[in-house]
Amino acid sequence: MGKGTLRREAPLVSECVMMTPVWLAVSRRRAGALASVPLLALVALSGGSAPSALATVEGVRVPQGVAAAPGVHPVSGRRIASVMSHAGAEWLDRPERESEERPDRAIEALRLRPGAVVADMGAGSGYFTVRLARRVGPAGRVFAADIQPEMLSLLRTRLHREALSNVELVQSAEDDPRLPPRTFDLILMVDVYHELAQPQVILSKLLTSLKPAGRLVLLEYRKEDPAVPIRPEHKMSVADARLELEAEGFELDRVDSRLPRQHILIFRAAR
């Protein structure tokens, strides 16, 4: 996945341009058998015309710049979203987030015990980090990881202001979360997974960071619901999430639907 990563400047929240959906049926070989997997590629088409050049992807001829384009997940065909810039951090702490996302319900759904060790991947300005830190208590630990040093600086200030000392900041990278192995009871990603530039690489490393009974939890806006006012590439369907994570050694434990706009997707290491 590394050489197929789309790199550009991180967008501001205001960059909300709808993309044109292009459905492709692409044959993929898995375990020696030929299986047909429908891939959804979301591409911005210039002038309303599709690219005419063809490329070969696993023996199938497809339009160049669609399934073969960088920034498209090779398993599901999902378009990978760009990371939101630290310049939009204020949006993460908007007052209406309480009613739109109900973070209190999300924390309850995690069923965390005092003393648990948790990672907040893509912690941003710490909206969920501080809630996790309070839930696991002084005996627990939270590793707050982000690829943007500016976000970690904002989070450091927040932790000082709220007098929380059980949080460790981690400067992660696009291809490495930089989390210790076999450490975590839970790894949480809130509206983050869909932005991972190298999801397959990251998932393989997160799998090794979980304790044997540990959980990986994704909060993602529901792609199945057109009423959720978020760009399509910033949403995830249960089907896409399951397809992508099960390909990397996870299994879906359950889907919690208590939130107004988001899935709570709970995964564990496949048995």
Protein backbone atom coordinates (compact mmCIF):
# COMPACT_ATOMS: atom_id res chain seq x y z
CA MET A 1 0.00 0.00 0.00
CA GLY A 2 2.92 2.33 0.72
CA LYS A 3 3.81 3.11 -2.89
CA GLY A 4 0.14 3.74 -3.68
CA THR A 5 -0.33 6.43 -1.06
CA LEU A 6 -1.87 9.72 -2.10
CA ARG A 7 0.06 12.64 -0.66
CA ARG A 8 -1.11 16.25 -0.61
CA GLU A 9 -1.60 19.07 1.85
CA ALA A 10 -4.16 18.23 4.53
CA PRO A 11 -7.55 19.85 3.83
CA LEU A 12 -9.44 22.28 5.97
CA VAL A 13 -12.93 21.33 7.15
CA SER A 14 -14.42 23.72 4.60
CA GLU A 15 -13.12 21.63 1.69
CA CYS A 16 -16.31 19.64 1.21
CA VAL A 17 -16.63 18.94 -2.53
CA MET A 18 -18.79 16.02 -3.58
CA MET A 19 -17.14 13.35 -5.71
CA THR A 20 -18.56 11.27 -8.55
CA PRO A 21 -19.09 7.57 -7.71
CA VAL A 22 -17.78 5.08 -10.25
CA TRP A 23 -18.63 1.43 -9.74
CA LEU A 24 -16.16 -1.14 -10.99
CA ALA A 25 -16.34 -4.92 -10.95
CA VAL A 26 -12.77 -6.09 -10.56
CA SER A 27 -11.72 -9.72 -10.28
CA ARG A 28 -9.26 -10.51 -7.53
CA ARG A 29 -7.43 -13.75 -6.76
CA ARG A 30 -7.72 -14.84 -3.13
CA ALA A 31 -6.38 -18.14 -1.78
CA GLY A 32 -5.92 -19.40 -5.32
CA ALA A 33 -9.58 -18.91 -6.28
CA LEU A 34 -10.88 -16.20 -8.59
CA ALA A 35 -13.50 -14.11 -6.76
CA SER A 36 -15.40 -11.16 -8.17
CA VAL A 37 -15.35 -8.18 -5.78
CA PRO A 38 -17.23 -4.95 -6.56
CA LEU A 39 -14.98 -1.97 -5.97
CA LEU A 40 -16.25 1.58 -5.41
CA ALA A 41 -13.82 4.23 -6.57
CA LEU A 42 -14.69 7.83 -5.83
CA VAL A 43 -12.94 10.15 -8.23
CA ALA A 44 -13.15 13.80 -9.13
CA LEU A 45 -13.85 13.92 -12.84
CA SER A 46 -12.65 16.97 -14.72
CA GLY A 47 -15.19 18.40 -17.14
CA GLY A 48 -17.59 15.53 -16.48
CA SER A 49 -15.67 13.02 -18.62
CA ALA A 50 -14.08 9.81 -17.39
CA PRO A 51 -10.41 9.04 -18.11
CA SER A 52 -10.04 7.01 -21.28
CA ALA A 53 -6.65 5.40 -20.68
CA LEU A 54 -6.69 1.87 -19.34
CA ALA A 55 -4.44 0.19 -16.81
CA THR A 56 -4.17 -3.45 -15.77
CA VAL A 57 -5.03 -4.31 -12.15
CA GLU A 58 -4.59 -8.00 -11.31
CA GLY A 59 -5.21 -8.94 -14.93
CA VAL A 60 -8.30 -6.75 -15.37
CA ARG A 61 -8.38 -3.69 -17.64
CA VAL A 62 -9.80 -0.68 -15.77
CA PRO A 63 -9.78 3.10 -16.38
CA GLN A 64 -6.47 4.61 -15.33
CA GLY A 65 -6.86 6.96 -12.37
CA VAL A 66 -9.78 5.03 -10.88
CA ALA A 67 -9.10 1.60 -9.34
CA ALA A 68 -5.43 1.91 -10.20
CA ALA A 69 -5.11 5.37 -8.67
CA PRO A 70 -3.14 6.09 -5.51
CA GLY A 71 -5.39 6.66 -2.51
CA VAL A 72 -7.82 3.82 -3.31
CA HIS A 73 -7.94 0.87 -0.93
CA PRO A 74 -6.89 -2.25 -2.87
CA VAL A 75 -9.33 -4.55 -1.07
CA SER A 76 -12.57 -2.56 -0.92
CA GLY A 77 -11.94 0.11 -3.57
CA ARG A 78 -12.78 2.81 -1.02
CA ARG A 79 -11.28 6.22 -1.72
CA ILE A 80 -8.94 7.15 1.12
CA ALA A 81 -9.68 10.60 2.53
CA SER A 82 -7.01 13.19 3.25
CA VAL A 83 -6.13 14.01 6.86
CA MET A 84 -7.82 17.06 8.33
CA SER A 85 -5.30 19.81 9.03
CA HIS A 86 -4.50 21.06 12.51
CA ALA A 87 -5.77 24.42 11.23
CA GLY A 88 -9.27 22.96 11.55
CA ALA A 89 -8.76 21.75 15.14
CA GLU A 90 -11.35 24.18 16.48
CA TRP A 91 -14.01 22.17 14.65
CA LEU A 92 -13.09 19.11 16.71
CA ASP A 93 -14.11 20.95 19.89
CA ARG A 94 -17.28 22.61 18.57
CA PRO A 95 -20.04 22.76 21.24
CA GLU A 96 -22.63 21.06 19.01
CA ARG A 97 -20.47 17.91 18.86
CA GLU A 98 -22.06 16.87 22.16
CA SER A 99 -25.50 16.59 20.55
CA GLU A 100 -24.31 15.47 17.09
CA GLU A 101 -22.08 12.62 18.25
CA ARG A 102 -22.96 11.98 21.91
CA PRO A 103 -19.41 11.21 23.10
CA ASP A 104 -20.79 10.22 26.51
CA ARG A 105 -22.65 7.34 24.89
CA ALA A 106 -19.55 6.36 22.93
CA ILE A 107 -17.43 6.17 26.08
CA GLU A 108 -20.10 4.04 27.78
CA ALA A 109 -20.11 1.66 24.81
CA LEU A 110 -16.38 1.02 25.25
CA ARG A 111 -16.95 -0.64 28.66
CA LEU A 112 -13.59 0.45 29.99
CA ARG A 113 -12.50 -0.51 33.48
CA PRO A 114 -10.34 1.57 35.81
CA GLY A 115 -6.70 0.70 35.22
CA ALA A 116 -7.12 -0.13 31.53
CA VAL A 117 -4.44 0.78 29.01
CA VAL A 118 -5.90 2.54 25.98
CA ALA A 119 -4.59 4.16 22.79
CA ASP A 120 -6.34 7.09 21.13
CA MET A 121 -5.10 6.88 17.53
CA GLY A 122 -5.42 10.17 15.67
CA ALA A 123 -6.12 11.92 18.96
CA GLY A 124 -6.18 15.40 17.44
CA SER A 125 -6.78 18.09 20.03
CA GLY A 126 -7.74 15.47 22.63
CA TYR A 127 -11.54 15.59 22.58
CA PHE A 128 -11.74 11.87 23.35
CA THR A 129 -8.33 11.56 25.01
CA VAL A 130 -9.39 13.46 28.13
CA ARG A 131 -12.60 11.43 28.37
CA LEU A 132 -10.64 8.19 28.12
CA ALA A 133 -8.13 9.39 30.72
CA ARG A 134 -10.88 10.12 33.23
CA ARG A 135 -12.58 6.80 32.58
CA VAL A 136 -9.49 4.61 33.13
CA GLY A 137 -8.48 6.70 36.16
CA PRO A 138 -5.07 7.31 37.75
CA ALA A 139 -4.22 3.59 37.64
CA GLY A 140 -4.82 3.46 33.88
CA ARG A 141 -2.90 4.92 30.96
CA VAL A 142 -3.83 6.54 27.67
CA PHE A 143 -1.42 6.79 24.73
CA ALA A 144 -2.53 9.70 22.54
CA ALA A 145 -1.02 9.33 19.05
CA ASP A 146 -1.15 11.75 16.14
CA ILE A 147 0.92 12.37 13.01
CA GLN A 148 0.68 16.16 13.33
CA PRO A 149 2.98 17.71 15.95
CA GLU A 150 0.71 20.76 16.05
CA MET A 151 -2.17 18.58 17.25
CA LEU A 152 0.03 17.10 19.97
CA SER A 153 0.98 20.60 21.07
CA LEU A 154 -2.70 21.51 21.42
CA LEU A 155 -3.29 18.29 23.33
CA ARG A 156 -0.36 18.94 25.67
CA THR A 157 -1.85 22.31 26.57
CA ARG A 158 -5.23 20.71 27.18
CA LEU A 159 -3.81 18.04 29.48
CA HIS A 160 -2.02 20.69 31.52
CA ARG A 161 -5.20 22.76 31.76
CA GLU A 162 -7.27 19.77 32.89
CA ALA A 163 -4.55 18.43 35.23
CA LEU A 164 -4.43 14.96 33.69
CA SER A 165 -1.17 13.07 34.22
CA ASN A 166 -2.04 9.58 32.95
CA VAL A 167 -1.64 10.41 29.23
CA GLU A 168 1.46 9.77 27.12
CA LEU A 169 1.81 11.65 23.83
CA VAL A 170 3.06 9.72 20.79
CA GLN A 171 4.30 11.26 17.54
CA SER A 172 3.16 8.63 15.06
CA ALA A 173 3.83 8.39 11.32
CA GLU A 174 1.78 7.54 8.24
CA ASP A 175 3.24 4.05 8.20
CA ASP A 176 3.84 3.48 11.92
CA PRO A 177 1.63 4.21 14.96
CA ARG A 178 4.73 3.84 17.15
CA LEU A 179 2.84 2.04 19.90
CA PRO A 180 4.43 -0.62 22.10
CA PRO A 181 3.60 -4.30 21.43
CA ARG A 182 1.11 -6.41 23.43
CA THR A 183 0.14 -3.45 25.61
CA PHE A 184 -3.41 -2.30 24.95
CA ASP A 185 -6.79 -3.38 26.22
CA LEU A 186 -8.35 -1.08 23.64
CA ILE A 187 -7.22 1.00 20.65
CA LEU A 188 -9.71 3.66 19.60
CA MET A 189 -9.93 5.56 16.32
CA VAL A 190 -12.64 8.24 16.16
CA ASP A 191 -13.33 9.39 12.59
CA VAL A 192 -9.72 8.47 11.81
CA TYR A 193 -9.53 5.09 10.08
CA HIS A 194 -10.90 6.38 6.77
CA GLU A 195 -8.01 8.90 6.65
CA LEU A 196 -5.16 6.42 7.14
CA ALA A 197 -2.83 6.79 4.16
CA GLN A 198 -1.51 3.24 4.63
CA PRO A 199 -4.32 1.36 6.39
CA GLN A 200 -2.97 -2.12 5.76
CA VAL A 201 0.42 -1.30 7.24
CA ILE A 202 -1.10 0.46 10.25
CA LEU A 203 -3.56 -2.36 10.96
CA SER A 204 -0.81 -4.97 10.95
CA LYS A 205 1.08 -2.99 13.58
CA LEU A 206 -1.99 -2.25 15.69
CA LEU A 207 -2.73 -5.97 15.76
CA THR A 208 0.63 -6.60 17.44
CA SER A 209 0.01 -3.78 19.95
CA LEU A 210 -3.16 -5.33 21.35
CA LYS A 211 -3.25 -7.69 24.29
CA PRO A 212 -4.65 -11.14 23.38
CA ALA A 213 -8.16 -10.08 24.41
CA GLY A 214 -7.73 -6.49 23.28
CA ARG A 215 -10.18 -4.62 21.06
CA LEU A 216 -9.81 -2.24 18.14
CA VAL A 217 -12.76 0.16 17.99
CA LEU A 218 -13.63 2.43 15.08
CA LEU A 219 -16.12 5.27 15.27
CA GLU A 220 -17.07 6.21 11.72
CA TYR A 221 -19.86 8.23 10.16
CA ARG A 222 -22.42 5.91 8.58
CA LYS A 223 -21.96 5.73 4.82
CA GLU A 224 -25.23 3.82 4.57
CA ASP A 225 -27.14 6.92 5.71
CA PRO A 226 -27.31 9.70 3.06
CA ALA A 227 -28.76 12.05 5.69
CA VAL A 228 -25.43 12.20 7.55
CA PRO A 229 -23.99 15.54 6.29
CA ILE A 230 -20.40 14.41 5.66
CA ARG A 231 -18.53 13.90 2.38
CA PRO A 232 -18.72 10.27 1.20
CA GLU A 233 -14.98 9.63 1.54
CA HIS A 234 -15.20 10.66 5.21
CA LYS A 235 -17.77 7.94 5.92
CA MET A 236 -17.43 4.17 6.30
CA SER A 237 -19.95 1.40 5.72
CA VAL A 238 -19.97 -1.66 7.94
CA ALA A 239 -19.36 -3.80 4.85
CA ASP A 240 -16.24 -1.87 3.78
CA ALA A 241 -14.81 -1.77 7.30
CA ARG A 242 -15.35 -5.48 7.76
CA LEU A 243 -13.84 -6.32 4.36
CA GLU A 244 -10.73 -4.23 4.98
CA LEU A 245 -10.05 -5.26 8.59
CA GLU A 246 -10.78 -8.93 8.16
CA ALA A 247 -8.20 -8.98 5.36
CA GLU A 248 -5.61 -7.86 7.95
CA GLY A 249 -6.27 -10.40 10.68
CA PHE A 250 -9.20 -8.87 12.59
CA GLU A 251 -12.75 -10.09 13.00
CA LEU A 252 -15.85 -8.02 13.66
CA ASP A 253 -17.10 -8.68 17.18
CA ARG A 254 -20.15 -6.42 17.09
CA VAL A 255 -21.65 -3.20 15.77
CA ASP A 256 -23.07 -0.76 18.34
CA SER A 257 -25.68 1.60 16.90
CA ARG A 258 -26.41 3.84 19.86
CA LEU A 259 -24.89 7.00 18.34
CA PRO A 260 -26.90 9.45 16.21
CA ARG A 261 -24.58 9.51 13.18
CA GLN A 262 -21.74 7.05 13.68
CA HIS A 263 -21.12 3.33 13.74
CA ILE A 264 -19.23 1.91 16.71
CA LEU A 265 -17.35 -1.00 15.12
CA ILE A 266 -15.69 -3.35 17.58
CA PHE A 267 -13.00 -5.69 16.25
CA ARG A 268 -10.77 -8.30 17.84
CA ALA A 269 -7.89 -10.39 16.57
CA ALA A 270 -9.23 -13.26 14.44
CA ARG A 271 -9.15 -16.58 16.17
